[in-house]
Amino acid sequence: MKKYIYLFLLLFVSVTAGAQRAKYVFMFIGDGMGLNQVNLTEIYRAVEDGKTEPAIKPLLFSTFPVASFATSYSSSSRVTDSAAAGTALACGKKTYNGAIGCDKENTFVSIAEVAKAAGRKVAILTTVGMNHATPASFYAHQPSRNMYYEIAEEAISSNFDFLGGGDVISPTKKYDKTSAPDMRQRFEEAGMVVARGLEDYKAKSADAKRMVLLNTRPNSTSVPYAIDREAQDITLRQMTECAIDFLEKGGAKKGFFMMVEGGRIDQAGHSNDPGACVREVVDMDEAVAAAYEFYKKHPKETLILVTADHETGGLGLAANGQYALDMNPLVSQTLSFDMISRKITDLRKLYGKKATWENVKEVLAAETGLFKTHKVTWAQEKALRDAFEESFVNGKVVFDENMYSSLEPLASVARKVLCEQAILGFTSTGHTAAYVPVFVIGAGQELFYGKMDNTDIPKKMAKAAGLKL
């Protein structure tokens, strides 16, 4: 009997010794990225690649060995907001919509804070404001996500090593509307080096102890949509590579934790802008590729997880009873509808009531392919002409408002026409209760099989990393 006990103990010890803890942990959050956003992007990529038959071109993260899904409801609603969902993914706790890292009775601890306390380096990155709801959930504890200045103050006290985003939301005004010292200056006073863009990072990072990396456009709190990007704009992949470089500087003996958010997937969903949406998913996948390159160098010690906080837009693939999809309209779209709206506004400012229907058609043809590479039905052209008559000729300009954008009437109608031509649709300009995807590779990946709740995700990540959350 003792012989079998010894053999069992020997086997147990050998298996335990062979199990690797995740020394390096990457958590990617596609804000608003439901299962259909992933699916649409893979179909889009196949068409963009020239495939004409039904096919997909997989994203890197969708090829990871573990693919599952999770629920996302909050403690106050079956449909979560980003603050409650971010808190669940950061802290493993449910809270009410709008709360950051706490509920009405308790303050929570995030996996990033636990990692930092254990001696690991920490980076928090996003394409939206660095003190927006999702990134804030990893370092802040506030009863309202709108307490932007107070949240940014906690970015300082977190002692996290690297923070990145478009810019600081409300950098000079507190929640009570009183003026306050510019938060970027406060970062510098606290010993955090602030860089704008890739070249500025390269120039300043060598001697920095803590770093804040922001977009090159100081008047924009978000990094531009990938579809609108210009040469000087930093990408999420570049931000991720900078963070890896910075955390490895001087050695990361105990490892690191990094959260990377593709925040503008959500904003494209709120705007029901499919062309911008798919390119944001691709943009995040390229950031995942940077982490994957690191993983290939440290495969036994690295964990990469890709998930979402919720789905945005209620995206449906195929509409009006048709058994079809056409991605060519999305491939032809060259700008986000935010930017197309600005171009129409510029046209109005330039010509006023002297603007012609042909002027408008030129803009739409150049930026969406409508009237150029895609035939427009009589009904679709009538809807566009009606919007032109109402806004340009009659001067009744009623913008189509959603959470993150305000579209010219003509841009709003053109967006609907493009969706009709792509044969897809949105049921909402807000969040939905749809399941969110979970893709995992690396040390501890076996913990993530099967359906989960969003609160399970950071707990499993902590377990894989040998941390206690």
Protein backbone atom coordinates (compact mmCIF):
# COMPACT_ATOMS: atom_id res chain seq x y z
CA MET A 1 0.00 0.00 0.00
CA LYS A 2 2.83 2.37 0.93
CA LYS A 3 4.39 1.65 -2.45
CA TYR A 4 1.28 2.94 -4.25
CA ILE A 5 1.09 6.00 -1.98
CA TYR A 6 4.72 6.86 -2.77
CA LEU A 7 4.07 6.39 -6.49
CA PHE A 8 1.02 8.64 -6.29
CA LEU A 9 2.96 11.32 -4.40
CA LEU A 10 5.81 11.09 -6.89
CA LEU A 11 3.36 11.48 -9.78
CA PHE A 12 1.64 14.41 -8.05
CA VAL A 13 4.94 16.18 -7.40
CA SER A 14 6.12 15.64 -10.98
CA VAL A 15 2.85 16.99 -12.43
CA THR A 16 2.89 19.97 -10.06
CA ALA A 17 6.51 20.70 -10.89
CA GLY A 18 5.74 20.50 -14.60
CA ALA A 19 2.80 22.92 -14.37
CA GLN A 20 4.09 26.36 -15.20
CA ARG A 21 2.77 29.49 -13.57
CA ALA A 22 2.04 32.45 -15.79
CA LYS A 23 4.85 34.87 -15.03
CA TYR A 24 3.78 37.18 -17.84
CA VAL A 25 0.05 37.87 -18.21
CA PHE A 26 -1.61 39.72 -21.10
CA MET A 27 -5.32 40.55 -20.89
CA PHE A 28 -6.90 42.01 -24.03
CA ILE A 29 -10.39 43.51 -23.80
CA GLY A 30 -12.24 44.35 -26.99
CA ASP A 31 -14.74 46.86 -25.64
CA GLY A 32 -18.11 46.09 -27.21
CA MET A 33 -16.70 43.09 -29.12
CA GLY A 34 -19.34 40.37 -29.18
CA LEU A 35 -19.13 37.06 -31.02
CA ASN A 36 -20.69 38.61 -34.13
CA GLN A 37 -18.11 41.40 -34.25
CA VAL A 38 -15.41 38.71 -34.36
CA ASN A 39 -17.29 36.71 -36.99
CA LEU A 40 -17.99 39.77 -39.17
CA THR A 41 -14.34 40.78 -39.07
CA GLU A 42 -13.19 37.34 -40.21
CA ILE A 43 -15.67 37.38 -43.11
CA TYR A 44 -14.59 40.92 -44.00
CA ARG A 45 -10.91 39.92 -43.98
CA ALA A 46 -11.58 37.06 -46.41
CA VAL A 47 -13.31 39.40 -48.88
CA GLU A 48 -10.61 42.04 -48.42
CA ASP A 49 -8.11 39.30 -49.25
CA GLY A 50 -9.86 38.64 -52.56
CA LYS A 51 -11.86 35.53 -51.68
CA THR A 52 -15.18 35.45 -53.53
CA GLU A 53 -16.58 32.14 -52.22
CA PRO A 54 -18.02 31.89 -48.69
CA ALA A 55 -14.98 31.84 -46.42
CA ILE A 56 -13.35 33.45 -43.41
CA LYS A 57 -9.81 34.65 -42.73
CA PRO A 58 -9.25 33.92 -39.03
CA LEU A 59 -7.97 36.52 -36.64
CA LEU A 60 -4.87 35.43 -34.72
CA PHE A 61 -6.65 35.36 -31.38
CA SER A 62 -9.52 33.23 -32.71
CA THR A 63 -6.99 30.46 -33.44
CA PHE A 64 -5.97 30.16 -29.78
CA PRO A 65 -6.49 26.64 -28.40
CA VAL A 66 -9.14 27.65 -25.88
CA ALA A 67 -12.30 29.33 -27.19
CA SER A 68 -15.21 29.88 -24.84
CA PHE A 69 -17.74 32.53 -23.84
CA ALA A 70 -18.93 34.41 -20.78
CA THR A 71 -21.96 36.21 -19.37
CA SER A 72 -21.64 39.93 -18.64
CA TYR A 73 -24.63 41.13 -16.55
CA SER A 74 -24.01 43.57 -13.70
CA SER A 75 -25.48 43.61 -10.19
CA SER A 76 -27.99 46.29 -11.22
CA SER A 77 -28.97 45.23 -14.74
CA ARG A 78 -29.03 42.33 -17.17
CA VAL A 79 -27.30 44.73 -19.58
CA THR A 80 -24.02 45.97 -18.18
CA ASP A 81 -22.15 49.20 -18.78
CA SER A 82 -18.38 49.35 -19.21
CA ALA A 83 -17.71 50.38 -15.62
CA ALA A 84 -19.48 47.40 -14.04
CA ALA A 85 -18.12 45.04 -16.69
CA GLY A 86 -14.62 46.45 -16.32
CA THR A 87 -14.84 46.00 -12.56
CA ALA A 88 -15.94 42.38 -13.04
CA LEU A 89 -13.01 41.69 -15.37
CA ALA A 90 -10.51 43.51 -13.16
CA CYS A 91 -11.69 42.54 -9.68
CA GLY A 92 -13.85 39.44 -10.09
CA LYS A 93 -16.78 41.22 -8.41
CA LYS A 94 -20.22 42.30 -9.59
CA THR A 95 -21.20 45.92 -9.09
CA TYR A 96 -23.85 48.37 -10.26
CA ASN A 97 -23.66 50.11 -13.62
CA GLY A 98 -21.44 53.15 -13.36
CA ALA A 99 -19.24 52.03 -10.46
CA ILE A 100 -15.47 51.69 -10.75
CA GLY A 101 -13.69 49.13 -8.54
CA CYS A 102 -16.27 49.25 -5.77
CA ASP A 103 -19.92 48.81 -4.87
CA LYS A 104 -22.04 50.76 -2.37
CA GLU A 105 -20.43 49.04 0.62
CA ASN A 106 -17.03 47.77 -0.45
CA THR A 107 -13.83 48.74 -2.23
CA PHE A 108 -12.45 45.99 -4.45
CA VAL A 109 -8.90 44.98 -5.33
CA SER A 110 -8.03 44.33 -8.98
CA ILE A 111 -5.78 41.65 -10.42
CA ALA A 112 -3.44 44.45 -11.55
CA GLU A 113 -3.17 45.75 -7.98
CA VAL A 114 -2.55 42.23 -6.68
CA ALA A 115 0.17 41.72 -9.31
CA LYS A 116 1.83 45.01 -8.36
CA ALA A 117 1.74 44.12 -4.66
CA ALA A 118 3.43 40.82 -5.53
CA GLY A 119 6.33 42.68 -7.13
CA ARG A 120 5.27 42.38 -10.75
CA LYS A 121 5.34 45.29 -13.16
CA VAL A 122 2.00 46.55 -14.48
CA ALA A 123 0.87 48.28 -17.68
CA ILE A 124 -2.67 49.47 -18.54
CA LEU A 125 -3.33 50.53 -22.15
CA THR A 126 -6.35 51.67 -24.15
CA THR A 127 -7.26 53.45 -27.38
CA VAL A 128 -9.74 55.71 -25.56
CA GLY A 129 -9.13 58.05 -22.62
CA MET A 130 -6.69 56.51 -20.15
CA ASN A 131 -9.15 57.28 -17.33
CA HIS A 132 -12.14 55.84 -19.18
CA ALA A 133 -14.25 53.17 -17.47
CA THR A 134 -12.48 49.96 -18.53
CA PRO A 135 -8.86 50.93 -17.85
CA ALA A 136 -9.94 52.81 -14.70
CA SER A 137 -11.40 49.59 -13.26
CA PHE A 138 -7.88 48.19 -12.90
CA TYR A 139 -6.53 51.00 -10.70
CA ALA A 140 -9.38 53.21 -9.43
CA HIS A 141 -12.20 52.95 -6.89
CA GLN A 142 -14.93 55.53 -7.48
CA PRO A 143 -18.74 55.42 -7.17
CA SER A 144 -19.13 57.01 -10.61
CA ARG A 145 -17.24 56.41 -13.85
CA ASN A 146 -17.73 60.13 -14.60
CA MET A 147 -15.33 61.14 -11.82
CA TYR A 148 -12.57 61.40 -14.41
CA TYR A 149 -10.23 63.73 -12.55
CA GLU A 150 -10.50 61.72 -9.35
CA ILE A 151 -9.90 58.50 -11.31
CA ALA A 152 -6.76 59.99 -12.89
CA GLU A 153 -5.49 60.89 -9.41
CA GLU A 154 -5.66 57.19 -8.58
CA ALA A 155 -3.56 56.44 -11.65
CA ILE A 156 -0.80 58.35 -9.86
CA SER A 157 -1.25 56.61 -6.51
CA SER A 158 -1.50 53.16 -8.13
CA ASN A 159 2.25 53.21 -8.73
CA PHE A 160 1.65 51.25 -11.95
CA ASP A 161 4.64 51.33 -14.26
CA PHE A 162 3.12 52.16 -17.64
CA LEU A 163 -0.19 53.80 -18.61
CA GLY A 164 -1.32 54.53 -22.14
CA GLY A 165 -4.33 55.97 -23.90
CA GLY A 166 -5.63 58.63 -26.22
CA ASP A 167 -5.35 61.34 -23.57
CA VAL A 168 -6.73 62.26 -20.15
CA ILE A 169 -10.48 62.90 -20.03
CA SER A 170 -11.36 66.12 -18.16
CA PRO A 171 -7.73 66.91 -17.27
CA THR A 172 -8.45 70.28 -15.59
CA LYS A 173 -11.87 69.88 -13.98
CA LYS A 174 -13.04 67.85 -11.01
CA TYR A 175 -16.32 65.98 -10.77
CA ASP A 176 -17.93 68.93 -8.93
CA LYS A 177 -17.01 71.16 -11.95
CA THR A 178 -14.36 73.11 -10.03
CA SER A 179 -11.09 73.87 -11.82
CA ALA A 180 -8.01 71.84 -10.98
CA PRO A 181 -4.33 71.68 -12.00
CA ASP A 182 -3.75 70.00 -15.36
CA MET A 183 -3.51 66.28 -14.75
CA ARG A 184 -0.72 65.82 -17.32
CA GLN A 185 1.37 68.25 -15.30
CA ARG A 186 0.49 66.40 -12.11
CA PHE A 187 1.72 63.19 -13.70
CA GLU A 188 5.07 64.85 -14.40
CA GLU A 189 5.27 66.23 -10.86
CA ALA A 190 4.68 62.70 -9.55
CA GLY A 191 7.67 61.43 -11.51
CA MET A 192 5.72 59.99 -14.45
CA VAL A 193 7.25 60.82 -17.82
CA VAL A 194 4.55 61.83 -20.33
CA ALA A 195 5.22 61.04 -24.00
CA ARG A 196 3.07 61.74 -27.06
CA GLY A 197 3.42 59.18 -29.80
CA LEU A 198 6.03 56.61 -30.73
CA GLU A 199 8.95 58.92 -31.45
CA ASP A 200 8.44 60.84 -28.21
CA TYR A 201 8.38 57.52 -26.33
CA LYS A 202 11.70 56.50 -27.90
CA ALA A 203 13.23 59.84 -26.93
CA LYS A 204 12.04 59.80 -23.31
CA SER A 205 11.73 56.18 -22.16
CA ALA A 206 15.36 55.30 -21.43
CA ASP A 207 15.58 57.15 -18.12
CA ALA A 208 11.90 56.99 -17.13
CA LYS A 209 10.83 55.10 -14.02
CA ARG A 210 7.12 55.39 -14.79
CA MET A 211 5.59 56.28 -18.13
CA VAL A 212 2.38 57.73 -19.57
CA LEU A 213 2.05 57.30 -23.36
CA LEU A 214 -0.60 59.41 -25.09
CA ASN A 215 -1.73 60.04 -28.64
CA THR A 216 -0.04 62.69 -30.76
CA ARG A 217 -3.32 64.63 -31.12
CA PRO A 218 -3.67 66.68 -27.89
CA ASN A 219 -7.26 67.74 -28.65
CA SER A 220 -8.58 64.17 -28.91
CA THR A 221 -9.13 61.95 -25.88
CA SER A 222 -9.16 58.85 -28.11
CA VAL A 223 -6.66 57.45 -30.58
CA PRO A 224 -8.22 57.95 -34.06
CA TYR A 225 -10.18 55.08 -35.53
CA ALA A 226 -7.86 52.74 -37.43
CA ILE A 227 -9.78 53.55 -40.62
CA ASP A 228 -9.00 57.28 -40.11
CA ARG A 229 -5.39 56.86 -38.99
CA GLU A 230 -2.65 59.14 -40.25
CA ALA A 231 1.11 58.50 -40.27
CA GLN A 232 1.83 60.28 -36.99
CA ASP A 233 -0.88 58.43 -35.03
CA ILE A 234 0.25 55.71 -32.68
CA THR A 235 -1.34 52.28 -33.08
CA LEU A 236 -2.46 49.89 -30.36
CA ARG A 237 0.22 47.45 -31.49
CA GLN A 238 2.88 50.13 -31.10
CA MET A 239 1.55 50.99 -27.65
CA THR A 240 1.71 47.30 -26.72
CA GLU A 241 5.27 46.97 -28.04
CA CYS A 242 6.30 50.10 -26.12
CA ALA A 243 4.78 48.69 -22.93
CA ILE A 244 6.58 45.35 -23.36
CA ASP A 245 9.83 47.20 -24.01
CA PHE A 246 9.33 49.40 -20.95
CA LEU A 247 8.36 46.57 -18.58
CA GLU A 248 11.34 44.48 -19.70
CA LYS A 249 13.72 47.40 -19.21
CA GLY A 250 16.04 46.59 -16.32
CA GLY A 251 14.54 43.11 -16.12
CA ALA A 252 11.15 41.89 -14.99
CA LYS A 253 12.35 39.17 -12.62
CA LYS A 254 8.93 38.58 -11.08
CA GLY A 255 7.06 39.09 -14.34
CA PHE A 256 4.33 41.52 -15.32
CA PHE A 257 0.61 42.03 -15.88
CA MET A 258 -0.65 43.98 -18.88
CA MET A 259 -4.22 44.96 -19.79
CA VAL A 260 -4.74 46.21 -23.35
CA GLU A 261 -8.14 47.58 -24.40
CA GLY A 262 -9.39 48.02 -27.95
CA GLY A 263 -11.73 50.73 -26.73
CA ARG A 264 -13.00 52.10 -30.02
CA ILE A 265 -14.67 48.85 -31.11
CA ASP A 266 -17.37 49.92 -28.66
CA GLN A 267 -17.59 53.45 -30.06
CA ALA A 268 -17.99 52.12 -33.60
CA GLY A 269 -20.76 49.87 -32.25
CA HIS A 270 -22.55 52.80 -30.61
CA SER A 271 -22.30 54.59 -33.98
CA ASN A 272 -23.51 51.50 -35.89
CA ASP A 273 -20.47 51.95 -38.13
CA PRO A 274 -19.52 48.48 -39.43
CA GLY A 275 -16.53 49.57 -41.53
CA ALA A 276 -14.91 51.30 -38.57
CA CYS A 277 -15.81 48.38 -36.29
CA VAL A 278 -14.11 45.62 -38.28
CA ARG A 279 -10.95 47.65 -38.66
CA GLU A 280 -10.84 48.23 -34.88
CA VAL A 281 -11.07 44.47 -34.28
CA VAL A 282 -8.23 43.94 -36.76
CA ASP A 283 -6.27 46.69 -35.01
CA MET A 284 -6.60 44.91 -31.67
CA ASP A 285 -5.64 41.60 -33.26
CA GLU A 286 -2.41 43.22 -34.42
CA ALA A 287 -1.74 44.24 -30.81
CA VAL A 288 -2.41 40.63 -29.78
CA ALA A 289 0.21 39.63 -32.37
CA ALA A 290 2.79 41.73 -30.52
CA ALA A 291 2.00 39.83 -27.32
CA TYR A 292 2.09 36.55 -29.25
CA GLU A 293 5.62 37.34 -30.45
CA PHE A 294 6.57 37.71 -26.78
CA TYR A 295 4.74 34.46 -25.97
CA LYS A 296 6.78 32.54 -28.54
CA LYS A 297 9.93 33.55 -26.65
CA HIS A 298 8.46 32.54 -23.26
CA PRO A 299 5.78 29.92 -24.07
CA LYS A 300 5.85 28.16 -20.70
CA GLU A 301 5.60 31.37 -18.68
CA THR A 302 3.17 33.51 -20.67
CA LEU A 303 -0.64 33.66 -20.63
CA ILE A 304 -2.62 35.63 -23.22
CA LEU A 305 -6.37 36.07 -22.81
CA VAL A 306 -8.67 37.94 -25.19
CA THR A 307 -12.23 38.80 -24.19
CA ALA A 308 -14.79 41.62 -24.18
CA ASP A 309 -16.67 43.54 -21.51
CA HIS A 310 -19.99 43.40 -23.41
CA GLU A 311 -21.45 43.52 -26.92
CA THR A 312 -22.42 46.87 -28.45
CA GLY A 313 -24.97 47.51 -31.17
CA GLY A 314 -26.82 44.22 -31.32
CA LEU A 315 -25.03 43.38 -34.55
CA GLY A 316 -26.87 40.97 -36.84
CA LEU A 317 -25.22 39.22 -39.79
CA ALA A 318 -27.81 39.02 -42.60
CA ALA A 319 -30.89 41.21 -42.61
CA ASN A 320 -34.41 41.40 -44.06
CA GLY A 321 -34.71 37.65 -44.40
CA GLN A 322 -31.87 37.40 -46.89
CA TYR A 323 -29.53 34.41 -46.68
CA ALA A 324 -26.52 36.48 -47.69
CA LEU A 325 -23.86 39.01 -46.71
CA ASP A 326 -21.87 41.39 -48.90
CA MET A 327 -18.63 42.71 -47.40
CA ASN A 328 -17.64 44.74 -50.46
CA PRO A 329 -19.35 47.92 -49.16
CA LEU A 330 -17.26 47.66 -45.96
CA VAL A 331 -14.09 47.12 -47.99
CA SER A 332 -14.90 50.25 -50.02
CA GLN A 333 -15.47 52.41 -46.92
CA THR A 334 -12.37 54.59 -46.49
CA LEU A 335 -13.33 56.72 -43.47
CA SER A 336 -15.41 56.35 -40.34
CA PHE A 337 -18.85 57.92 -40.55
CA ASP A 338 -17.66 60.42 -37.95
CA MET A 339 -15.16 61.70 -40.51
CA ILE A 340 -17.62 61.42 -43.40
CA SER A 341 -19.99 63.57 -41.33
CA ARG A 342 -17.23 66.16 -40.90
CA LYS A 343 -16.63 66.19 -44.65
CA ILE A 344 -20.32 66.89 -45.25
CA THR A 345 -20.21 69.67 -42.65
CA ASP A 346 -17.18 71.13 -44.44
CA LEU A 347 -19.14 70.99 -47.69
CA ARG A 348 -21.98 72.91 -46.05
CA LYS A 349 -19.56 75.54 -44.72
CA LEU A 350 -17.89 75.88 -48.11
CA TYR A 351 -20.97 76.11 -50.34
CA GLY A 352 -23.93 76.71 -48.02
CA LYS A 353 -27.23 76.45 -49.91
CA LYS A 354 -25.29 76.57 -53.18
CA ALA A 355 -24.07 73.02 -52.59
CA THR A 356 -25.43 70.63 -55.19
CA TRP A 357 -26.51 67.02 -55.01
CA GLU A 358 -23.52 66.21 -57.24
CA ASN A 359 -21.18 67.74 -54.61
CA VAL A 360 -22.61 65.38 -52.01
CA LYS A 361 -22.49 62.37 -54.32
CA GLU A 362 -18.78 62.98 -54.92
CA VAL A 363 -18.08 62.77 -51.18
CA LEU A 364 -20.18 59.63 -50.75
CA ALA A 365 -18.65 57.97 -53.81
CA ALA A 366 -15.10 58.72 -52.66
CA GLU A 367 -15.52 57.57 -49.05
CA THR A 368 -18.15 54.81 -49.21
CA GLY A 369 -18.19 53.58 -52.81
CA LEU A 370 -21.90 54.45 -53.12
CA PHE A 371 -22.74 55.52 -56.71
CA LYS A 372 -19.22 54.42 -57.72
CA THR A 373 -18.47 50.76 -57.03
CA HIS A 374 -21.91 49.95 -55.57
CA LYS A 375 -25.20 50.53 -57.30
CA VAL A 376 -27.77 52.40 -55.24
CA THR A 377 -31.43 51.43 -55.44
CA TRP A 378 -34.13 53.96 -56.24
CA ALA A 379 -35.36 53.85 -52.63
CA GLN A 380 -31.84 54.32 -51.24
CA GLU A 381 -31.12 57.27 -53.52
CA LYS A 382 -34.49 58.82 -52.62
CA ALA A 383 -33.64 58.57 -48.88
CA LEU A 384 -30.30 60.27 -49.51
CA ARG A 385 -31.87 62.97 -51.74
CA ASP A 386 -34.56 63.63 -49.14
CA ALA A 387 -31.87 64.14 -46.48
CA PHE A 388 -30.03 66.50 -48.84
CA GLU A 389 -33.16 68.53 -49.54
CA GLU A 390 -34.07 68.77 -45.87
CA SER A 391 -30.64 69.74 -44.56
CA PHE A 392 -28.90 71.58 -47.42
CA VAL A 393 -31.85 73.15 -49.28
CA ASN A 394 -34.33 73.71 -46.45
CA GLY A 395 -31.64 74.29 -43.81
CA LYS A 396 -33.18 71.90 -41.27
CA VAL A 397 -30.06 70.16 -39.94
CA VAL A 398 -30.92 67.66 -37.21
CA PHE A 399 -27.86 65.65 -36.18
CA ASP A 400 -28.18 61.96 -35.34
CA GLU A 401 -26.83 61.74 -31.79
CA ASN A 402 -25.46 58.68 -30.01
CA MET A 403 -23.17 58.23 -27.02
CA TYR A 404 -19.91 58.99 -28.81
CA SER A 405 -20.78 60.72 -32.07
CA SER A 406 -23.05 63.22 -33.73
CA LEU A 407 -23.71 62.60 -37.41
CA GLU A 408 -24.91 64.92 -40.16
CA PRO A 409 -28.34 63.76 -41.43
CA LEU A 410 -26.85 62.78 -44.79
CA ALA A 411 -24.04 60.81 -43.13
CA SER A 412 -26.59 59.01 -40.95
CA VAL A 413 -28.68 57.98 -43.96
CA ALA A 414 -25.58 56.94 -45.93
CA ARG A 415 -24.54 54.73 -43.03
CA LYS A 416 -27.93 53.00 -43.11
CA VAL A 417 -27.68 52.54 -46.87
CA LEU A 418 -24.22 50.99 -46.52
CA CYS A 419 -25.53 48.57 -43.89
CA GLU A 420 -28.43 47.65 -46.20
CA GLN A 421 -25.99 46.96 -49.00
CA ALA A 422 -23.81 44.83 -46.72
CA ILE A 423 -27.01 43.00 -45.65
CA LEU A 424 -26.31 43.43 -41.95
CA GLY A 425 -28.06 45.35 -39.22
CA PHE A 426 -27.92 46.75 -35.71
CA THR A 427 -30.71 46.49 -33.16
CA SER A 428 -29.32 49.13 -30.81
CA THR A 429 -26.99 52.09 -30.41
CA GLY A 430 -26.22 50.81 -26.90
CA HIS A 431 -25.01 47.67 -25.17
CA THR A 432 -26.74 44.28 -25.24
CA ALA A 433 -26.80 41.22 -22.99
CA ALA A 434 -25.16 38.96 -25.59
CA TYR A 435 -22.45 36.52 -24.56
CA VAL A 436 -18.87 37.72 -24.97
CA PRO A 437 -16.04 35.58 -26.39
CA VAL A 438 -13.04 34.29 -24.45
CA PHE A 439 -9.88 33.13 -26.25
CA VAL A 440 -6.82 31.87 -24.36
CA ILE A 441 -3.33 30.53 -24.99
CA GLY A 442 -0.43 29.78 -22.69
CA ALA A 443 0.34 28.84 -19.10
CA GLY A 444 -2.90 27.96 -17.32
CA GLN A 445 -5.04 27.86 -20.45
CA GLU A 446 -6.73 24.67 -19.20
CA LEU A 447 -8.49 26.72 -16.51
CA PHE A 448 -10.63 28.50 -19.08
CA TYR A 449 -12.58 25.67 -20.71
CA GLY A 450 -16.36 25.91 -20.52
CA LYS A 451 -18.88 28.69 -20.07
CA MET A 452 -17.93 31.37 -17.53
CA ASP A 453 -19.21 34.49 -15.90
CA ASN A 454 -17.08 37.59 -16.43
CA THR A 455 -16.16 37.56 -12.72
CA ASP A 456 -14.55 34.13 -13.19
CA ILE A 457 -12.01 35.45 -15.69
CA PRO A 458 -9.67 37.46 -13.40
CA LYS A 459 -9.90 34.77 -10.72
CA LYS A 460 -8.75 32.14 -13.18
CA MET A 461 -6.01 34.45 -14.45
CA ALA A 462 -4.83 35.05 -10.89
CA LYS A 463 -4.77 31.30 -10.26
CA ALA A 464 -2.76 30.72 -13.42
CA ALA A 465 -0.30 33.39 -12.31
CA GLY A 466 0.02 32.12 -8.74
CA LEU A 467 -1.67 35.25 -7.35
CA LYS A 468 -4.48 35.49 -4.84
CA LEU A 469 -7.39 37.69 -5.90
